[in-house]
Amino acid sequence: HVTIRLLTSVAKSPSGKHTVAASNSFI
């Protein structure tokens, strides 16, 4: 019933303390 196309980036914060991720998709 659907195709979801996921664009994602993952990175470390400046000191490496945190992992940050963002993702998006067309509708």
PDB file of all heavy atoms in Angstrom:
ATOM      1  N   HIS A   1       0.805  -1.228   0.000  1.00  0.00           N
ATOM      2  CA  HIS A   1       0.000   0.000   0.000  1.00  0.00           C
ATOM      3  C   HIS A   1       0.836   1.275   0.000  1.00  0.00           C
ATOM      4  O   HIS A   1       0.291   2.370  -0.182  1.00  0.00           O
ATOM      5  CB  HIS A   1      -0.927   0.014   1.212  1.00  0.00           C
ATOM      6  CG  HIS A   1      -0.210   0.084   2.538  1.00  0.00           C
ATOM      7  ND1 HIS A   1       0.568  -0.945   3.012  1.00  0.00           N
ATOM      8  CD2 HIS A   1      -0.142   1.066   3.474  1.00  0.00           C
ATOM      9  CE1 HIS A   1       1.070  -0.609   4.187  1.00  0.00           C
ATOM     10  NE2 HIS A   1       0.654   0.608   4.499  1.00  0.00           N
ATOM     11  N   VAL A   2       2.153   1.158   0.204  1.00  0.00           N
ATOM     12  CA  VAL A   2       2.953   2.377   0.326  1.00  0.00           C
ATOM     13  C   VAL A   2       4.429   2.060   0.151  1.00  0.00           C
ATOM     14  O   VAL A   2       4.877   0.938   0.445  1.00  0.00           O
ATOM     15  CB  VAL A   2       2.719   3.033   1.708  1.00  0.00           C
ATOM     16  CG1 VAL A   2       3.332   2.198   2.829  1.00  0.00           C
ATOM     17  CG2 VAL A   2       3.279   4.452   1.749  1.00  0.00           C
ATOM     18  N   THR A   3       5.164   3.041  -0.342  1.00  0.00           N
ATOM     19  CA  THR A   3       6.626   2.997  -0.345  1.00  0.00           C
ATOM     20  C   THR A   3       7.131   4.221   0.406  1.00  0.00           C
ATOM     21  O   THR A   3       6.753   5.358   0.073  1.00  0.00           O
ATOM     22  CB  THR A   3       7.200   2.996  -1.770  1.00  0.00           C
ATOM     23  OG1 THR A   3       6.731   1.846  -2.470  1.00  0.00           O
ATOM     24  CG2 THR A   3       8.728   2.963  -1.740  1.00  0.00           C
ATOM     25  N   ILE A   4       7.947   3.989   1.420  1.00  0.00           N
ATOM     26  CA  ILE A   4       8.510   5.081   2.211  1.00  0.00           C
ATOM     27  C   ILE A   4       9.997   5.181   1.891  1.00  0.00           C
ATOM     28  O   ILE A   4      10.737   4.188   2.020  1.00  0.00           O
ATOM     29  CB  ILE A   4       8.312   4.841   3.717  1.00  0.00           C
ATOM     30  CG1 ILE A   4       6.823   4.706   4.033  1.00  0.00           C
ATOM     31  CG2 ILE A   4       8.932   5.980   4.531  1.00  0.00           C
ATOM     32  CD1 ILE A   4       6.552   4.228   5.432  1.00  0.00           C
ATOM     33  N   ARG A   5      10.415   6.347   1.469  1.00  0.00           N
ATOM     34  CA  ARG A   5      11.801   6.578   1.069  1.00  0.00           C
ATOM     35  C   ARG A   5      12.473   7.412   2.154  1.00  0.00           C
ATOM     36  O   ARG A   5      12.139   8.577   2.339  1.00  0.00           O
ATOM     37  CB  ARG A   5      11.833   7.281  -0.279  1.00  0.00           C
ATOM     38  CG  ARG A   5      11.110   6.487  -1.374  1.00  0.00           C
ATOM     39  CD  ARG A   5      10.619   7.368  -2.494  1.00  0.00           C
ATOM     40  NE  ARG A   5       9.904   6.593  -3.522  1.00  0.00           N
ATOM     41  CZ  ARG A   5       8.601   6.355  -3.501  1.00  0.00           C
ATOM     42  NH1 ARG A   5       7.855   6.836  -2.515  1.00  0.00           N
ATOM     43  NH2 ARG A   5       8.028   5.650  -4.452  1.00  0.00           N
ATOM     44  N   LEU A   6      13.421   6.822   2.848  1.00  0.00           N
ATOM     45  CA  LEU A   6      14.036   7.451   4.024  1.00  0.00           C
ATOM     46  C   LEU A   6      15.428   7.968   3.707  1.00  0.00           C
ATOM     47  O   LEU A   6      16.320   7.201   3.316  1.00  0.00           O
ATOM     48  CB  LEU A   6      14.135   6.440   5.172  1.00  0.00           C
ATOM     49  CG  LEU A   6      12.849   6.096   5.914  1.00  0.00           C
ATOM     50  CD1 LEU A   6      13.118   4.967   6.900  1.00  0.00           C
ATOM     51  CD2 LEU A   6      12.310   7.320   6.645  1.00  0.00           C
ATOM     52  N   LEU A   7      15.589   9.252   3.894  1.00  0.00           N
ATOM     53  CA  LEU A   7      16.883   9.915   3.782  1.00  0.00           C
ATOM     54  C   LEU A   7      17.355  10.202   5.203  1.00  0.00           C
ATOM     55  O   LEU A   7      16.644  10.859   5.966  1.00  0.00           O
ATOM     56  CB  LEU A   7      16.707  11.225   3.004  1.00  0.00           C
ATOM     57  CG  LEU A   7      17.930  11.974   2.507  1.00  0.00           C
ATOM     58  CD1 LEU A   7      18.651  11.193   1.424  1.00  0.00           C
ATOM     59  CD2 LEU A   7      17.500  13.348   1.975  1.00  0.00           C
ATOM     60  N   THR A   8      18.532   9.717   5.594  1.00  0.00           N
ATOM     61  CA  THR A   8      18.954   9.798   6.991  1.00  0.00           C
ATOM     62  C   THR A   8      20.418  10.196   7.091  1.00  0.00           C
ATOM     63  O   THR A   8      21.245   9.771   6.275  1.00  0.00           O
ATOM     64  CB  THR A   8      18.760   8.438   7.696  1.00  0.00           C
ATOM     65  OG1 THR A   8      17.398   8.034   7.573  1.00  0.00           O
ATOM     66  CG2 THR A   8      19.130   8.516   9.169  1.00  0.00           C
ATOM     67  N   SER A   9      20.724  11.017   8.109  1.00  0.00           N
ATOM     68  CA  SER A   9      22.110  11.342   8.453  1.00  0.00           C
ATOM     69  C   SER A   9      22.307  11.135   9.945  1.00  0.00           C
ATOM     70  O   SER A   9      21.425  11.451  10.752  1.00  0.00           O
ATOM     71  CB  SER A   9      22.442  12.789   8.087  1.00  0.00           C
ATOM     72  OG  SER A   9      22.528  12.955   6.687  1.00  0.00           O
ATOM     73  N   VAL A  10      23.483  10.628  10.307  1.00  0.00           N
ATOM     74  CA  VAL A  10      23.847  10.394  11.701  1.00  0.00           C
ATOM     75  C   VAL A  10      25.237  10.960  11.918  1.00  0.00           C
ATOM     76  O   VAL A  10      26.111  10.841  11.048  1.00  0.00           O
ATOM     77  CB  VAL A  10      23.835   8.884  12.038  1.00  0.00           C
ATOM     78  CG1 VAL A  10      24.143   8.665  13.514  1.00  0.00           C
ATOM     79  CG2 VAL A  10      22.503   8.255  11.664  1.00  0.00           C
ATOM     80  N   ALA A  11      25.459  11.593  13.071  1.00  0.00           N
ATOM     81  CA  ALA A  11      26.764  12.187  13.347  1.00  0.00           C
ATOM     82  C   ALA A  11      27.001  12.260  14.842  1.00  0.00           C
ATOM     83  O   ALA A  11      26.099  12.004  15.648  1.00  0.00           O
ATOM     84  CB  ALA A  11      26.861  13.587  12.728  1.00  0.00           C
ATOM     85  N   LYS A  12      28.211  12.639  15.188  1.00  0.00           N
ATOM     86  CA  LYS A  12      28.580  12.879  16.573  1.00  0.00           C
ATOM     87  C   LYS A  12      28.580  14.382  16.841  1.00  0.00           C
ATOM     88  O   LYS A  12      28.893  15.192  15.967  1.00  0.00           O
ATOM     89  CB  LYS A  12      29.978  12.319  16.868  1.00  0.00           C
ATOM     90  CG  LYS A  12      30.058  10.803  16.847  1.00  0.00           C
ATOM     91  CD  LYS A  12      29.329  10.193  18.032  1.00  0.00           C
ATOM     92  CE  LYS A  12      29.529   8.684  18.104  1.00  0.00           C
ATOM     93  NZ  LYS A  12      28.799   8.093  19.256  1.00  0.00           N
ATOM     94  N   SER A  13      28.215  14.729  18.081  1.00  0.00           N
ATOM     95  CA  SER A  13      28.337  16.127  18.509  1.00  0.00           C
ATOM     96  C   SER A  13      29.820  16.481  18.617  1.00  0.00           C
ATOM     97  O   SER A  13      30.683  15.596  18.556  1.00  0.00           O
ATOM     98  CB  SER A  13      27.610  16.332  19.831  1.00  0.00           C
ATOM     99  OG  SER A  13      28.209  15.557  20.848  1.00  0.00           O
ATOM    100  N   PRO A  14      30.160  17.765  18.783  1.00  0.00           N
ATOM    101  CA  PRO A  14      31.568  18.182  18.686  1.00  0.00           C
ATOM    102  C   PRO A  14      32.550  17.396  19.538  1.00  0.00           C
ATOM    103  O   PRO A  14      33.651  17.074  19.087  1.00  0.00           O
ATOM    104  CB  PRO A  14      31.509  19.650  19.101  1.00  0.00           C
ATOM    105  CG  PRO A  14      30.156  20.092  18.678  1.00  0.00           C
ATOM    106  CD  PRO A  14      29.257  18.917  18.915  1.00  0.00           C
ATOM    107  N   SER A  15      32.196  17.088  20.779  1.00  0.00           N
ATOM    108  CA  SER A  15      33.121  16.347  21.642  1.00  0.00           C
ATOM    109  C   SER A  15      32.906  14.842  21.574  1.00  0.00           C
ATOM    110  O   SER A  15      33.639  14.075  22.204  1.00  0.00           O
ATOM    111  CB  SER A  15      32.963  16.807  23.098  1.00  0.00           C
ATOM    112  OG  SER A  15      31.774  16.273  23.657  1.00  0.00           O
ATOM    113  N   GLY A  16      31.892  14.428  20.841  1.00  0.00           N
ATOM    114  CA  GLY A  16      31.537  13.025  20.803  1.00  0.00           C
ATOM    115  C   GLY A  16      30.578  12.608  21.898  1.00  0.00           C
ATOM    116  O   GLY A  16      30.218  11.432  22.004  1.00  0.00           O
ATOM    117  N   LYS A  17      30.141  13.554  22.709  1.00  0.00           N
ATOM    118  CA  LYS A  17      29.250  13.241  23.828  1.00  0.00           C
ATOM    119  C   LYS A  17      27.935  12.653  23.359  1.00  0.00           C
ATOM    120  O   LYS A  17      27.392  11.738  23.973  1.00  0.00           O
ATOM    121  CB  LYS A  17      29.006  14.504  24.650  1.00  0.00           C
ATOM    122  CG  LYS A  17      28.026  14.337  25.799  1.00  0.00           C
ATOM    123  CD  LYS A  17      27.813  15.663  26.535  1.00  0.00           C
ATOM    124  CE  LYS A  17      26.820  15.520  27.672  1.00  0.00           C
ATOM    125  NZ  LYS A  17      26.596  16.815  28.379  1.00  0.00           N
ATOM    126  N   HIS A  18      27.391  13.197  22.263  1.00  0.00           N
ATOM    127  CA  HIS A  18      26.084  12.775  21.785  1.00  0.00           C
ATOM    128  C   HIS A  18      26.152  12.259  20.353  1.00  0.00           C
ATOM    129  O   HIS A  18      26.983  12.703  19.560  1.00  0.00           O
ATOM    130  CB  HIS A  18      25.084  13.928  21.828  1.00  0.00           C
ATOM    131  CG  HIS A  18      24.642  14.303  23.200  1.00  0.00           C
ATOM    132  ND1 HIS A  18      24.003  13.426  24.042  1.00  0.00           N
ATOM    133  CD2 HIS A  18      24.746  15.476  23.884  1.00  0.00           C
ATOM    134  CE1 HIS A  18      23.735  14.030  25.189  1.00  0.00           C
ATOM    135  NE2 HIS A  18      24.182  15.267  25.118  1.00  0.00           N
ATOM    136  N   THR A  19      25.259  11.340  20.052  1.00  0.00           N
ATOM    137  CA  THR A  19      24.953  10.969  18.675  1.00  0.00           C
ATOM    138  C   THR A  19      23.681  11.693  18.276  1.00  0.00           C
ATOM    139  O   THR A  19      22.715  11.746  19.048  1.00  0.00           O
ATOM    140  CB  THR A  19      24.745   9.455  18.538  1.00  0.00           C
ATOM    141  OG1 THR A  19      25.951   8.786  18.925  1.00  0.00           O
ATOM    142  CG2 THR A  19      24.404   9.080  17.110  1.00  0.00           C
ATOM    143  N   VAL A  20      23.699  12.272  17.087  1.00  0.00           N
ATOM    144  CA  VAL A  20      22.557  13.031  16.569  1.00  0.00           C
ATOM    145  C   VAL A  20      22.124  12.401  15.251  1.00  0.00           C
ATOM    146  O   VAL A  20      22.971  12.010  14.440  1.00  0.00           O
ATOM    147  CB  VAL A  20      22.930  14.510  16.347  1.00  0.00           C
ATOM    148  CG1 VAL A  20      21.717  15.299  15.878  1.00  0.00           C
ATOM    149  CG2 VAL A  20      23.504  15.119  17.620  1.00  0.00           C
ATOM    150  N   ALA A  21      20.835  12.287  15.040  1.00  0.00           N
ATOM    151  CA  ALA A  21      20.322  11.708  13.797  1.00  0.00           C
ATOM    152  C   ALA A  21      19.132  12.507  13.295  1.00  0.00           C
ATOM    153  O   ALA A  21      18.348  13.038  14.080  1.00  0.00           O
ATOM    154  CB  ALA A  21      19.914  10.251  14.015  1.00  0.00           C
ATOM    155  N   ALA A  22      19.027  12.599  11.981  1.00  0.00           N
ATOM    156  CA  ALA A  22      17.867  13.221  11.345  1.00  0.00           C
ATOM    157  C   ALA A  22      17.464  12.380  10.152  1.00  0.00           C
ATOM    158  O   ALA A  22      18.324  11.789   9.473  1.00  0.00           O
ATOM    159  CB  ALA A  22      18.173  14.649  10.912  1.00  0.00           C
ATOM    160  N   SER A  23      16.171  12.337   9.894  1.00  0.00           N
ATOM    161  CA  SER A  23      15.648  11.554   8.779  1.00  0.00           C
ATOM    162  C   SER A  23      14.480  12.303   8.163  1.00  0.00           C
ATOM    163  O   SER A  23      13.758  13.023   8.866  1.00  0.00           O
ATOM    164  CB  SER A  23      15.201  10.178   9.282  1.00  0.00           C
ATOM    165  OG  SER A  23      14.706   9.379   8.231  1.00  0.00           O
ATOM    166  N   ASN A  24      14.292  12.155   6.847  1.00  0.00           N
ATOM    167  CA  ASN A  24      13.094  12.725   6.245  1.00  0.00           C
ATOM    168  C   ASN A  24      12.597  11.866   5.096  1.00  0.00           C
ATOM    169  O   ASN A  24      13.275  10.930   4.649  1.00  0.00           O
ATOM    170  CB  ASN A  24      13.293  14.190   5.833  1.00  0.00           C
ATOM    171  CG  ASN A  24      14.246  14.389   4.682  1.00  0.00           C
ATOM    172  OD1 ASN A  24      14.457  13.488   3.872  1.00  0.00           O
ATOM    173  ND2 ASN A  24      14.827  15.577   4.595  1.00  0.00           N
ATOM    174  N   SER A  25      11.393  12.196   4.627  1.00  0.00           N
ATOM    175  CA  SER A  25      10.770  11.411   3.564  1.00  0.00           C
ATOM    176  C   SER A  25       9.765  12.275   2.818  1.00  0.00           C
ATOM    177  O   SER A  25       9.123  13.155   3.401  1.00  0.00           O
ATOM    178  CB  SER A  25      10.058  10.192   4.160  1.00  0.00           C
ATOM    179  OG  SER A  25       9.420   9.431   3.142  1.00  0.00           O
ATOM    180  N   PHE A  26       9.635  12.018   1.509  1.00  0.00           N
ATOM    181  CA  PHE A  26       8.569  12.648   0.742  1.00  0.00           C
ATOM    182  C   PHE A  26       7.215  12.045   1.115  1.00  0.00           C
ATOM    183  O   PHE A  26       7.115  10.864   1.458  1.00  0.00           O
ATOM    184  CB  PHE A  26       8.773  12.421  -0.760  1.00  0.00           C
ATOM    185  CG  PHE A  26       9.898  13.208  -1.365  1.00  0.00           C
ATOM    186  CD1 PHE A  26      11.039  12.564  -1.829  1.00  0.00           C
ATOM    187  CD2 PHE A  26       9.811  14.588  -1.492  1.00  0.00           C
ATOM    188  CE1 PHE A  26      12.069  13.275  -2.406  1.00  0.00           C
ATOM    189  CE2 PHE A  26      10.843  15.317  -2.065  1.00  0.00           C
ATOM    190  CZ  PHE A  26      11.975  14.655  -2.523  1.00  0.00           C
ATOM    191  N   ILE A  27       6.179  12.882   1.049  1.00  0.00           N
ATOM    192  CA  ILE A  27       4.795  12.405   1.078  1.00  0.00           C
ATOM    193  C   ILE A  27       4.159  12.834  -0.241  1.00  0.00           C
ATOM    194  O   ILE A  27       4.018  14.042  -0.508  1.00  0.00           O
ATOM    195  CB  ILE A  27       3.993  12.991   2.249  1.00  0.00           C
ATOM    196  CG1 ILE A  27       4.646  12.643   3.592  1.00  0.00           C
ATOM    197  CG2 ILE A  27       2.554  12.481   2.217  1.00  0.00           C
ATOM    198  CD1 ILE A  27       3.941  13.263   4.795  1.00  0.00           C
TER     199      ILE A  27
END
